Amino acid sequence: MKTRVGVIGAGIYGSVLINAYYGAHRQGLIDFVAVSDLKPEALEEVRRRYGIKGYSDYKEMLDREKLDAVAVVTPDYLHEACVLEAA
């Protein structure tokens, strides 16, 4: 069974990570499941480019998806709440 991965944050650094995860997904190394970001345009870009589900609320993503790993790629001051919720 492949590791199910989600990403919180689709900004500048998040988009680089999302691209890397999608490459691993295409190679069959992981199951890249979902992305969360507050900006609708960022989520639409991820959906359009990668076909990955998008959530505007990371807590909803964590509740709905059975994730094995979560990458937090938000601004530094927002990391703590995301990491604690994901844990």
N, C-alpha and C. Protein backbone atom coordinates (compact mmCIF):
# COMPACT_ATOMS: atom_id res chain seq x y z
N MET A 1 0.83 -1.18 0.00
CA MET A 1 0.00 0.00 0.00
C MET A 1 0.88 1.25 0.00
N LYS A 2 0.56 2.20 -0.87
CA LYS A 2 1.33 3.43 -0.98
C LYS A 2 0.97 4.41 0.13
N THR A 3 1.94 5.22 0.50
CA THR A 3 1.74 6.27 1.48
C THR A 3 0.83 7.35 0.91
N ARG A 4 -0.23 7.67 1.65
CA ARG A 4 -1.19 8.69 1.23
C ARG A 4 -0.74 10.04 1.79
N VAL A 5 -0.48 10.99 0.89
CA VAL A 5 0.14 12.27 1.26
C VAL A 5 -0.79 13.44 0.97
N GLY A 6 -0.80 14.40 1.88
CA GLY A 6 -1.50 15.67 1.69
C GLY A 6 -0.55 16.82 1.94
N VAL A 7 -0.87 17.98 1.39
CA VAL A 7 -0.05 19.17 1.55
C VAL A 7 -0.92 20.31 2.06
N ILE A 8 -0.42 21.01 3.07
CA ILE A 8 -1.08 22.22 3.56
C ILE A 8 -0.23 23.39 3.10
N GLY A 9 -0.76 24.15 2.16
CA GLY A 9 -0.06 25.31 1.62
C GLY A 9 0.32 25.11 0.17
N ALA A 10 -0.18 25.98 -0.70
CA ALA A 10 0.11 25.85 -2.14
C ALA A 10 0.71 27.14 -2.69
N GLY A 11 1.42 27.87 -1.84
CA GLY A 11 2.05 29.11 -2.28
C GLY A 11 3.36 28.84 -3.02
N ILE A 12 4.30 29.73 -2.87
CA ILE A 12 5.56 29.64 -3.61
C ILE A 12 6.28 28.33 -3.31
N TYR A 13 6.58 28.06 -2.05
CA TYR A 13 7.29 26.83 -1.69
C TYR A 13 6.38 25.61 -1.84
N GLY A 14 5.12 25.79 -1.51
CA GLY A 14 4.17 24.70 -1.64
C GLY A 14 4.05 24.20 -3.06
N SER A 15 4.06 25.11 -4.03
CA SER A 15 3.93 24.69 -5.43
C SER A 15 5.13 23.86 -5.88
N VAL A 16 6.31 24.17 -5.37
CA VAL A 16 7.50 23.37 -5.69
C VAL A 16 7.35 21.97 -5.09
N LEU A 17 6.91 21.91 -3.84
CA LEU A 17 6.72 20.62 -3.18
C LEU A 17 5.62 19.81 -3.86
N ILE A 18 4.53 20.48 -4.21
CA ILE A 18 3.43 19.80 -4.89
C ILE A 18 3.91 19.18 -6.20
N ASN A 19 4.71 19.90 -6.95
CA ASN A 19 5.25 19.37 -8.20
C ASN A 19 6.12 18.14 -7.94
N ALA A 20 6.93 18.18 -6.90
CA ALA A 20 7.77 17.03 -6.56
C ALA A 20 6.92 15.83 -6.14
N TYR A 21 5.91 16.08 -5.30
CA TYR A 21 5.04 14.99 -4.88
C TYR A 21 4.27 14.40 -6.06
N TYR A 22 3.86 15.27 -6.98
CA TYR A 22 3.13 14.75 -8.13
C TYR A 22 4.03 13.86 -8.98
N GLY A 23 5.30 14.22 -9.09
CA GLY A 23 6.25 13.35 -9.80
C GLY A 23 6.36 11.99 -9.14
N ALA A 24 6.44 11.97 -7.81
CA ALA A 24 6.50 10.70 -7.08
C ALA A 24 5.19 9.93 -7.23
N HIS A 25 4.09 10.65 -7.29
CA HIS A 25 2.77 10.04 -7.50
C HIS A 25 2.72 9.36 -8.87
N ARG A 26 3.17 10.05 -9.89
CA ARG A 26 3.15 9.50 -11.25
C ARG A 26 4.06 8.28 -11.38
N GLN A 27 5.12 8.23 -10.58
CA GLN A 27 6.03 7.08 -10.61
C GLN A 27 5.51 5.93 -9.76
N GLY A 28 4.38 6.13 -9.09
CA GLY A 28 3.79 5.07 -8.27
C GLY A 28 4.43 4.93 -6.90
N LEU A 29 5.19 5.95 -6.47
CA LEU A 29 5.88 5.87 -5.19
C LEU A 29 5.00 6.29 -4.01
N ILE A 30 4.07 7.21 -4.26
CA ILE A 30 3.14 7.66 -3.23
C ILE A 30 1.76 7.83 -3.86
N ASP A 31 0.76 7.98 -3.01
CA ASP A 31 -0.57 8.34 -3.46
C ASP A 31 -0.80 9.78 -3.01
N PHE A 32 -0.61 10.74 -3.90
CA PHE A 32 -0.76 12.16 -3.59
C PHE A 32 -2.25 12.46 -3.63
N VAL A 33 -2.84 12.73 -2.47
CA VAL A 33 -4.28 12.74 -2.30
C VAL A 33 -4.90 14.13 -2.39
N ALA A 34 -4.38 15.09 -1.63
CA ALA A 34 -5.07 16.37 -1.52
C ALA A 34 -4.13 17.50 -1.12
N VAL A 35 -4.61 18.72 -1.39
CA VAL A 35 -3.90 19.94 -1.04
C VAL A 35 -4.89 20.88 -0.37
N SER A 36 -4.40 21.65 0.60
CA SER A 36 -5.22 22.66 1.25
C SER A 36 -4.55 24.02 1.13
N ASP A 37 -5.34 25.03 0.83
CA ASP A 37 -4.85 26.40 0.79
C ASP A 37 -6.04 27.33 0.94
N LEU A 38 -5.82 28.50 1.50
CA LEU A 38 -6.89 29.47 1.68
C LEU A 38 -7.28 30.16 0.38
N LYS A 39 -6.38 30.19 -0.58
CA LYS A 39 -6.62 30.92 -1.83
C LYS A 39 -7.28 30.01 -2.87
N PRO A 40 -8.51 30.34 -3.27
CA PRO A 40 -9.22 29.52 -4.26
C PRO A 40 -8.45 29.37 -5.58
N GLU A 41 -7.76 30.42 -5.99
CA GLU A 41 -7.02 30.35 -7.26
C GLU A 41 -5.86 29.36 -7.17
N ALA A 42 -5.25 29.23 -6.02
CA ALA A 42 -4.17 28.25 -5.85
C ALA A 42 -4.74 26.83 -5.93
N LEU A 43 -5.88 26.61 -5.30
CA LEU A 43 -6.52 25.29 -5.35
C LEU A 43 -6.98 24.94 -6.77
N GLU A 44 -7.50 25.92 -7.47
CA GLU A 44 -7.94 25.68 -8.85
C GLU A 44 -6.75 25.31 -9.73
N GLU A 45 -5.62 25.97 -9.52
CA GLU A 45 -4.41 25.65 -10.29
C GLU A 45 -3.95 24.22 -10.02
N VAL A 46 -3.98 23.80 -8.77
CA VAL A 46 -3.58 22.42 -8.42
C VAL A 46 -4.56 21.43 -9.05
N ARG A 47 -5.85 21.71 -8.97
CA ARG A 47 -6.85 20.82 -9.56
C ARG A 47 -6.67 20.74 -11.08
N ARG A 48 -6.48 21.87 -11.70
CA ARG A 48 -6.33 21.91 -13.15
C ARG A 48 -5.04 21.21 -13.60
N ARG A 49 -3.95 21.52 -12.94
CA ARG A 49 -2.65 21.01 -13.36
C ARG A 49 -2.42 19.54 -12.99
N TYR A 50 -2.86 19.16 -11.79
CA TYR A 50 -2.53 17.82 -11.29
C TYR A 50 -3.73 16.90 -11.08
N GLY A 51 -4.93 17.44 -11.10
CA GLY A 51 -6.11 16.62 -10.84
C GLY A 51 -6.23 16.18 -9.40
N ILE A 52 -5.64 16.95 -8.49
CA ILE A 52 -5.63 16.61 -7.07
C ILE A 52 -6.74 17.39 -6.37
N LYS A 53 -7.40 16.76 -5.40
CA LYS A 53 -8.45 17.43 -4.63
C LYS A 53 -7.89 18.61 -3.86
N GLY A 54 -8.70 19.65 -3.75
CA GLY A 54 -8.30 20.83 -3.00
C GLY A 54 -9.30 21.17 -1.91
N TYR A 55 -8.79 21.64 -0.80
CA TYR A 55 -9.61 22.05 0.34
C TYR A 55 -9.19 23.45 0.77
N SER A 56 -10.17 24.30 1.05
CA SER A 56 -9.84 25.63 1.56
C SER A 56 -9.59 25.59 3.07
N ASP A 57 -9.98 24.52 3.73
CA ASP A 57 -9.79 24.36 5.16
C ASP A 57 -8.96 23.10 5.40
N TYR A 58 -7.77 23.27 5.91
CA TYR A 58 -6.89 22.11 6.12
C TYR A 58 -7.48 21.13 7.13
N LYS A 59 -8.25 21.61 8.09
CA LYS A 59 -8.86 20.70 9.06
C LYS A 59 -9.87 19.78 8.38
N GLU A 60 -10.60 20.31 7.42
CA GLU A 60 -11.54 19.48 6.66
C GLU A 60 -10.78 18.42 5.87
N MET A 61 -9.66 18.81 5.26
CA MET A 61 -8.84 17.84 4.52
C MET A 61 -8.37 16.72 5.45
N LEU A 62 -7.89 17.11 6.62
CA LEU A 62 -7.39 16.11 7.58
C LEU A 62 -8.51 15.20 8.07
N ASP A 63 -9.71 15.74 8.23
CA ASP A 63 -10.86 14.94 8.68
C ASP A 63 -11.36 13.98 7.60
N ARG A 64 -11.39 14.43 6.37
CA ARG A 64 -11.98 13.64 5.29
C ARG A 64 -11.04 12.63 4.65
N GLU A 65 -9.78 12.96 4.58
CA GLU A 65 -8.83 12.09 3.89
C GLU A 65 -8.07 11.24 4.90
N LYS A 66 -7.85 10.01 4.56
CA LYS A 66 -7.06 9.12 5.41
C LYS A 66 -5.59 9.26 4.98
N LEU A 67 -4.90 10.24 5.57
CA LEU A 67 -3.53 10.56 5.16
C LEU A 67 -2.52 9.88 6.08
N ASP A 68 -1.44 9.42 5.49
CA ASP A 68 -0.33 8.85 6.25
C ASP A 68 0.73 9.90 6.54
N ALA A 69 0.82 10.92 5.68
CA ALA A 69 1.83 11.96 5.82
C ALA A 69 1.24 13.29 5.36
N VAL A 70 1.67 14.35 6.04
CA VAL A 70 1.22 15.70 5.69
C VAL A 70 2.44 16.61 5.65
N ALA A 71 2.59 17.33 4.55
CA ALA A 71 3.64 18.34 4.44
C ALA A 71 3.01 19.69 4.74
N VAL A 72 3.60 20.42 5.67
CA VAL A 72 3.11 21.74 6.03
C VAL A 72 4.03 22.77 5.39
N VAL A 73 3.48 23.50 4.41
CA VAL A 73 4.27 24.45 3.64
C VAL A 73 3.58 25.82 3.70
N THR A 74 3.24 26.21 4.91
CA THR A 74 2.61 27.50 5.16
C THR A 74 3.69 28.48 5.62
N PRO A 75 3.36 29.76 5.77
CA PRO A 75 4.31 30.67 6.41
C PRO A 75 4.68 30.14 7.80
N ASP A 76 5.90 30.40 8.20
CA ASP A 76 6.42 29.84 9.45
C ASP A 76 5.50 30.03 10.65
N TYR A 77 4.93 31.20 10.80
CA TYR A 77 4.12 31.48 11.99
C TYR A 77 2.84 30.66 12.04
N LEU A 78 2.47 30.00 10.94
CA LEU A 78 1.26 29.16 10.91
C LEU A 78 1.56 27.67 11.07
N HIS A 79 2.80 27.29 11.14
CA HIS A 79 3.17 25.88 11.21
C HIS A 79 2.61 25.16 12.43
N GLU A 80 2.73 25.77 13.59
CA GLU A 80 2.39 25.06 14.83
C GLU A 80 0.97 24.49 14.82
N ALA A 81 -0.02 25.31 14.50
CA ALA A 81 -1.41 24.85 14.52
C ALA A 81 -1.63 23.73 13.51
N CYS A 82 -1.06 23.84 12.33
CA CYS A 82 -1.22 22.82 11.30
C CYS A 82 -0.57 21.51 11.72
N VAL A 83 0.62 21.59 12.25
CA VAL A 83 1.34 20.39 12.66
C VAL A 83 0.62 19.68 13.80
N LEU A 84 0.16 20.45 14.79
CA LEU A 84 -0.55 19.84 15.90
C LEU A 84 -1.85 19.18 15.45
N GLU A 85 -2.56 19.83 14.56
CA GLU A 85 -3.82 19.26 14.05
C GLU A 85 -3.54 17.99 13.26
N ALA A 86 -2.50 18.01 12.44
CA ALA A 86 -2.16 16.84 11.62
C ALA A 86 -1.73 15.66 12.49
N ALA A 87 -1.02 15.96 13.58
CA ALA A 87 -0.55 14.90 14.47
C ALA A 87 -1.72 14.27 15.17
